[in-house]
Every structure is written in C-alpha cells, then in structure tokens.
C-alpha atoms as a PDB file:
ATOM      1  CA  MET A   1      26.723  24.431 -15.750  1.00  0.00           C
ATOM      2  CA  LYS A   2      23.267  24.971 -17.170  1.00  0.00           C
ATOM      3  CA  LYS A   3      20.408  24.216 -14.735  1.00  0.00           C
ATOM      4  CA  LEU A   4      18.587  21.068 -15.826  1.00  0.00           C
ATOM      5  CA  ASP A   5      14.873  20.608 -15.320  1.00  0.00           C
ATOM      6  CA  ILE A   6      15.562  17.252 -13.683  1.00  0.00           C
ATOM      7  CA  LYS A   7      14.954  16.642  -9.994  1.00  0.00           C
ATOM      8  CA  LEU A   8      16.770  13.638  -8.556  1.00  0.00           C
ATOM      9  CA  TYR A   9      16.260  11.819  -5.279  1.00  0.00           C
ATOM     10  CA  LEU A  10      19.392  10.456  -3.579  1.00  0.00           C
ATOM     11  CA  ALA A  11      19.121   6.887  -2.270  1.00  0.00           C
ATOM     12  CA  GLY A  12      21.768   5.197  -0.171  1.00  0.00           C
ATOM     13  CA  LYS A  13      22.630   3.689   3.189  1.00  0.00           C
ATOM     14  CA  ILE A  14      21.898   5.926   6.171  1.00  0.00           C
ATOM     15  CA  THR A  15      21.268   3.572   9.105  1.00  0.00           C
ATOM     16  CA  GLY A  16      24.548   2.190  10.420  1.00  0.00           C
ATOM     17  CA  ASN A  17      26.639   4.539   8.269  1.00  0.00           C
ATOM     18  CA  GLY A  18      28.341   7.082  10.523  1.00  0.00           C
ATOM     19  CA  GLU A  19      29.485   9.114   7.518  1.00  0.00           C
ATOM     20  CA  TYR A  20      26.169   9.200   5.663  1.00  0.00           C
ATOM     21  CA  LYS A  21      25.746  12.976   5.885  1.00  0.00           C
ATOM     22  CA  GLU A  22      29.126  13.559   4.242  1.00  0.00           C
ATOM     23  CA  VAL A  23      28.526  10.880   1.577  1.00  0.00           C
ATOM     24  CA  PHE A  24      25.097  12.251   0.679  1.00  0.00           C
ATOM     25  CA  ALA A  25      26.359  15.879   0.711  1.00  0.00           C
ATOM     26  CA  GLU A  26      29.219  15.002  -1.653  1.00  0.00           C
ATOM     27  CA  ALA A  27      26.865  13.275  -4.094  1.00  0.00           C
ATOM     28  CA  GLN A  28      24.434  16.195  -3.892  1.00  0.00           C
ATOM     29  CA  LYS A  29      27.230  18.672  -4.609  1.00  0.00           C
ATOM     30  CA  ASN A  30      28.447  16.668  -7.614  1.00  0.00           C
ATOM     31  CA  LEU A  31      24.949  16.381  -9.062  1.00  0.00           C
ATOM     32  CA  GLU A  32      24.138  20.053  -8.480  1.00  0.00           C
ATOM     33  CA  ILE A  33      27.373  21.053 -10.221  1.00  0.00           C
ATOM     34  CA  MET A  34      26.022  19.179 -13.243  1.00  0.00           C
ATOM     35  CA  GLY A  35      22.786  21.182 -13.063  1.00  0.00           C
ATOM     36  CA  TYR A  36      20.436  18.764 -11.308  1.00  0.00           C
ATOM     37  CA  ILE A  37      17.984  19.687  -8.574  1.00  0.00           C
ATOM     38  CA  VAL A  38      18.609  17.226  -5.728  1.00  0.00           C
ATOM     39  CA  VAL A  39      16.369  15.949  -2.931  1.00  0.00           C
ATOM     40  CA  ASN A  40      18.671  14.754  -0.158  1.00  0.00           C
ATOM     41  CA  PRO A  41      16.932  12.629   2.521  1.00  0.00           C
ATOM     42  CA  ALA A  42      19.983  12.966   4.789  1.00  0.00           C
ATOM     43  CA  GLU A  43      19.027  16.628   5.267  1.00  0.00           C
ATOM     44  CA  MET A  44      15.440  15.971   6.315  1.00  0.00           C
ATOM     45  CA  GLY A  45      16.049  15.446  10.045  1.00  0.00           C
ATOM     46  CA  LEU A  46      14.538  11.971  10.223  1.00  0.00           C
ATOM     47  CA  ASP A  47      17.204  10.400  12.446  1.00  0.00           C
ATOM     48  CA  GLU A  48      14.833   9.641  15.322  1.00  0.00           C
ATOM     49  CA  LYS A  49      12.006   8.228  13.191  1.00  0.00           C
ATOM     50  CA  SER A  50      11.263   4.551  12.602  1.00  0.00           C
ATOM     51  CA  HIS A  51      11.921   2.944   9.230  1.00  0.00           C
ATOM     52  CA  HIS A  52       8.197   2.901   8.444  1.00  0.00           C
ATOM     53  CA  ASP A  53       7.735   6.551   9.386  1.00  0.00           C
ATOM     54  CA  CYS A  54      10.719   7.506   7.234  1.00  0.00           C
ATOM     55  CA  MET A  55       9.322   5.604   4.255  1.00  0.00           C
ATOM     56  CA  ARG A  56       5.922   7.289   4.658  1.00  0.00           C
ATOM     57  CA  ILE A  57       7.667  10.656   4.444  1.00  0.00           C
ATOM     58  CA  LEU A  58      10.356   9.851   1.881  1.00  0.00           C
ATOM     59  CA  ILE A  59       8.469   7.801  -0.729  1.00  0.00           C
ATOM     60  CA  PRO A  60       6.133  10.707  -1.635  1.00  0.00           C
ATOM     61  CA  GLU A  61       9.193  13.010  -1.808  1.00  0.00           C
ATOM     62  CA  MET A  62      10.893  10.519  -4.102  1.00  0.00           C
ATOM     63  CA  LEU A  63       7.830  10.177  -6.317  1.00  0.00           C
ATOM     64  CA  SER A  64       7.871  13.952  -6.903  1.00  0.00           C
ATOM     65  CA  CYS A  65      11.274  13.549  -8.591  1.00  0.00           C
ATOM     66  CA  SER A  66      12.229  12.751 -12.172  1.00  0.00           C
ATOM     67  CA  GLY A  67      14.575   9.937 -11.169  1.00  0.00           C
ATOM     68  CA  ILE A  68      16.591   8.253  -8.435  1.00  0.00           C
ATOM     69  CA  ALA A  69      20.358   8.678  -8.064  1.00  0.00           C
ATOM     70  CA  LEU A  70      21.738   5.617  -6.301  1.00  0.00           C
ATOM     71  CA  LEU A  71      24.796   5.879  -4.077  1.00  0.00           C
ATOM     72  CA  ASP A  72      27.294   3.014  -4.281  1.00  0.00           C
ATOM     73  CA  ASN A  73      26.128   1.564  -0.959  1.00  0.00           C
ATOM     74  CA  TRP A  74      22.410   1.528  -1.736  1.00  0.00           C
ATOM     75  CA  VAL A  75      22.209  -2.287  -1.947  1.00  0.00           C
ATOM     76  CA  HIS A  76      23.174  -2.469   1.747  1.00  0.00           C
ATOM     77  CA  SER A  77      20.230  -0.320   2.828  1.00  0.00           C
ATOM     78  CA  ARG A  78      16.729  -1.588   3.525  1.00  0.00           C
ATOM     79  CA  GLY A  79      15.335   1.901   2.950  1.00  0.00           C
ATOM     80  CA  ALA A  80      17.188   2.489  -0.323  1.00  0.00           C
ATOM     81  CA  ILE A  81      16.080  -0.937  -1.587  1.00  0.00           C
ATOM     82  CA  ASP A  82      12.481   0.006  -0.727  1.00  0.00           C
ATOM     83  CA  GLU A  83      12.945   3.344  -2.508  1.00  0.00           C
ATOM     84  CA  GLN A  84      14.478   1.757  -5.605  1.00  0.00           C
ATOM     85  CA  TYR A  85      11.664  -0.803  -5.757  1.00  0.00           C
ATOM     86  CA  SER A  86       9.029   1.936  -5.383  1.00  0.00           C
ATOM     87  CA  ALA A  87      10.708   3.887  -8.169  1.00  0.00           C
ATOM     88  CA  GLN A  88      10.796   0.812 -10.392  1.00  0.00           C
ATOM     89  CA  VAL A  89       7.107  -0.040  -9.951  1.00  0.00           C
ATOM     90  CA  SER A  90       6.225   3.645 -10.445  1.00  0.00           C
ATOM     91  CA  GLY A  91       8.150   3.917 -13.694  1.00  0.00           C
ATOM     92  CA  LEU A  92      10.830   6.289 -12.377  1.00  0.00           C
ATOM     93  CA  PRO A  93      14.330   5.733 -13.734  1.00  0.00           C
ATOM     94  CA  SER A  94      16.973   4.817 -11.190  1.00  0.00           C
ATOM     95  CA  ALA A  95      20.686   4.710 -11.882  1.00  0.00           C
ATOM     96  CA  PRO A  96      23.989   5.250 -10.077  1.00  0.00           C
ATOM     97  CA  VAL A  97      25.053   8.832  -9.360  1.00  0.00           C
ATOM     98  CA  SER A  98      27.884   8.391 -11.886  1.00  0.00           C
ATOM     99  CA  TRP A  99      25.385   7.579 -14.649  1.00  0.00           C
ATOM    100  CA  TRP A 100      23.418  10.778 -14.013  1.00  0.00           C
ATOM    101  CA  ILE A 101      26.672  12.774 -14.112  1.00  0.00           C
ATOM    102  CA  GLU A 102      27.666  11.174 -17.428  1.00  0.00           C
ATOM    103  CA  LEU A 103      24.198  11.920 -18.817  1.00  0.00           C
ATOM    104  CA  ALA A 104      24.524  15.606 -17.892  1.00  0.00           C
ATOM    105  CA  GLU A 105      27.995  15.747 -19.463  1.00  0.00           C
ATOM    106  CA  LYS A 106      26.568  14.371 -22.738  1.00  0.00           C
ATOM    107  CA  TYR A 107      23.687  16.850 -22.558  1.00  0.00           C
ATOM    108  CA  ALA A 108      26.126  19.732 -22.090  1.00  0.00           C
ATOM    109  CA  ARG A 109      27.973  18.963 -25.345  1.00  0.00           C
END
C-alpha cells in the first residue's frame, strides 16, 4: 500500500482494559497496512502516570497529527473523550478506525 502523508492518533480505552496493548497494536497494524503513520499512546510507557500527566503528554502528541482514529471503546474512556473533545475544538477530524480504513481504500482506487 502506498504511504499516505496522514498521521493519525489512536484514541481508546486504556485504563481498566487488560487487553489495551493488543487492541491498540491491532488497530495500528491495520492502519499502517493502509499507509497511515500512526501515533499509538499505548506504546508510550505512561502506565504509572496520573490521568492529568498523561493528558499533558498526549494532547500535544495528538495535536501534531492530521486526525484521530477512534477505537470502538473510546466512549468508555475518560482520556479518549478528553482527546476527542480536544481534537474537535482544535479542528482535527476524528472518526472510527474503520472510517479511516475505508477512506484509504477509496484513495487507493
């Protein structure tokens, strides 16, 4: 797949989700196969940080992206809701991972 010049930030439930690393990795893999550059917060080693500290680190990372790819469970995550809201007020598009994949498939035609 052709590399796209689109960097996406993954947003989803981490706290209280024992399988978050696998869920985020799978979404990252699927998006990268479609040519996206992916910022995966599950790989940033923030497990021991407070919610506020995580947001201070992650929001600037997110704002450096072209858009937000939302995992299915994002509505159950305080952090992902904060990220989606920050994206919205900053004018960044946010959509489910599946939408970004469909967009890349259309682009590839």
